[in-house]
Amino acid sequence: MAKRGGFPGGMPGNMNNLMKQAQRMQRQMEENQKEMETKEFTAKAGGGAVEVTVTGKKEVTKVKLSEEVVDPDDIEMLEDLVMAATNEALRMAEEAGAEMMNKMTGGLGLGGGFPF
């Protein structure tokens, strides 16, 4: 006669182990997120004439301009260089975050959403 309820093969013990692993992974993710937020990413544009630094929180913390790039008659070029450097620094921060998640999940593709 078959048993009713429960899981055959001791599944509740495995479930406890899974929960512990999930809690450990969550703590590691929180620690890595805090670490990521303290990192800075710097990118340059225009041969180094414009330099932008962002944090892992994707906040701009520094913009450095060389004197030769400041031309009152060509503001559009300066705007484009600032935008290019900012976008590159943000891309670097995003890439570092994705790399961190990839290490955490072992390449399972769980970082940006579930693949199913």
Protein backbone atom coordinates (compact mmCIF):
# COMPACT_ATOMS: atom_id res chain seq x y z
CA MET A 1 0.00 0.00 0.00
CA ALA A 2 1.41 3.41 -1.00
CA LYS A 3 1.98 6.18 1.51
CA ARG A 4 -0.03 9.33 1.16
CA GLY A 5 1.63 12.73 1.34
CA GLY A 6 5.30 13.53 1.73
CA PHE A 7 8.03 12.94 -0.78
CA PRO A 8 9.64 9.56 -1.37
CA GLY A 9 13.40 9.30 -0.90
CA GLY A 10 13.82 11.85 1.90
CA MET A 11 13.02 14.94 -0.15
CA PRO A 12 12.39 17.19 2.91
CA GLY A 13 16.07 16.90 3.88
CA ASN A 14 17.09 17.92 0.38
CA MET A 15 14.65 20.82 0.57
CA ASN A 16 16.36 22.07 3.75
CA ASN A 17 19.73 21.92 2.00
CA LEU A 18 18.31 23.84 -0.96
CA MET A 19 16.94 26.52 1.34
CA LYS A 20 20.30 26.89 3.10
CA GLN A 21 22.07 27.17 -0.25
CA ALA A 22 19.56 29.78 -1.42
CA GLN A 23 20.04 31.82 1.76
CA ARG A 24 23.83 31.61 1.41
CA MET A 25 23.61 32.73 -2.21
CA GLN A 26 21.34 35.62 -1.24
CA ARG A 27 23.85 36.80 1.39
CA GLN A 28 26.68 36.55 -1.15
CA MET A 29 24.65 38.51 -3.69
CA GLU A 30 23.97 41.26 -1.14
CA GLU A 31 27.66 41.44 -0.21
CA ASN A 32 28.69 41.54 -3.87
CA GLN A 33 26.10 44.24 -4.59
CA LYS A 34 27.49 46.41 -1.77
CA GLU A 35 31.02 45.85 -3.09
CA MET A 36 29.90 46.67 -6.63
CA GLU A 37 28.35 49.95 -5.47
CA THR A 38 31.72 51.11 -4.10
CA LYS A 39 33.61 50.44 -7.34
CA GLU A 40 34.35 53.20 -9.81
CA PHE A 41 34.60 52.98 -13.59
CA THR A 42 36.38 55.61 -15.66
CA ALA A 43 36.17 56.06 -19.40
CA LYS A 44 37.76 58.58 -21.74
CA ALA A 45 36.72 60.09 -25.06
CA GLY A 46 38.40 62.36 -27.58
CA GLY A 47 41.82 60.85 -26.99
CA GLY A 48 41.56 61.50 -23.25
CA ALA A 49 40.27 65.07 -23.56
CA VAL A 50 37.11 64.07 -21.66
CA GLU A 51 37.12 61.66 -18.73
CA VAL A 52 34.02 60.49 -16.85
CA THR A 53 33.88 58.37 -13.70
CA VAL A 54 30.76 56.51 -12.53
CA THR A 55 30.11 54.24 -9.57
CA GLY A 56 28.68 50.74 -9.60
CA LYS A 57 25.42 52.44 -8.61
CA LYS A 58 25.61 54.13 -12.03
CA GLU A 59 26.05 57.62 -10.62
CA VAL A 60 28.44 60.09 -12.25
CA THR A 61 31.02 61.15 -9.66
CA LYS A 62 33.58 62.97 -11.78
CA VAL A 63 33.84 64.75 -15.14
CA LYS A 64 37.29 65.96 -16.19
CA LEU A 65 37.80 68.16 -19.25
CA SER A 66 41.08 69.14 -20.91
CA GLU A 67 41.38 72.83 -21.75
CA GLU A 68 41.78 72.18 -25.47
CA VAL A 69 38.36 70.52 -25.67
CA VAL A 70 36.57 73.59 -24.30
CA ASP A 71 35.79 75.57 -27.43
CA PRO A 72 32.90 78.02 -27.06
CA ASP A 73 32.37 77.83 -30.82
CA ASP A 74 31.92 74.04 -30.76
CA ILE A 75 29.82 73.14 -27.74
CA GLU A 76 28.26 70.23 -29.64
CA MET A 77 31.59 68.41 -29.88
CA LEU A 78 32.12 68.72 -26.12
CA GLU A 79 28.59 67.48 -25.46
CA ASP A 80 29.18 64.47 -27.71
CA LEU A 81 32.48 63.64 -25.99
CA VAL A 82 30.94 63.86 -22.52
CA MET A 83 28.06 61.66 -23.65
CA ALA A 84 30.41 59.10 -25.23
CA ALA A 85 32.64 58.88 -22.15
CA THR A 86 29.62 58.63 -19.82
CA ASN A 87 28.01 55.88 -21.88
CA GLU A 88 31.27 53.92 -21.99
CA ALA A 89 31.77 54.20 -18.21
CA LEU A 90 28.17 53.06 -17.64
CA ARG A 91 28.72 50.14 -20.03
CA MET A 92 31.81 49.16 -18.04
CA ALA A 93 29.83 49.23 -14.79
CA GLU A 94 27.04 47.16 -16.34
CA GLU A 95 29.53 44.64 -17.70
CA ALA A 96 31.21 44.30 -14.29
CA GLY A 97 27.82 43.72 -12.66
CA ALA A 98 26.89 41.08 -15.21
CA GLU A 99 30.25 39.38 -14.73
CA MET A 100 29.71 39.33 -10.97
CA MET A 101 26.26 37.76 -11.43
CA ASN A 102 27.66 35.21 -13.86
CA LYS A 103 30.22 34.14 -11.25
CA MET A 104 27.51 33.93 -8.60
CA THR A 105 25.13 31.84 -10.68
CA GLY A 106 27.80 29.69 -12.29
CA GLY A 107 26.73 30.73 -15.77
CA LEU A 108 23.15 29.50 -15.30
CA GLY A 109 21.71 32.66 -16.82
CA LEU A 110 19.86 33.69 -13.65
CA GLY A 111 21.21 37.23 -13.47
CA GLY A 112 18.84 39.28 -15.58
CA GLY A 113 15.78 37.13 -15.25
CA PHE A 114 14.93 33.52 -15.55
CA PRO A 115 15.43 31.86 -18.93
CA PHE A 116 12.13 29.96 -18.82
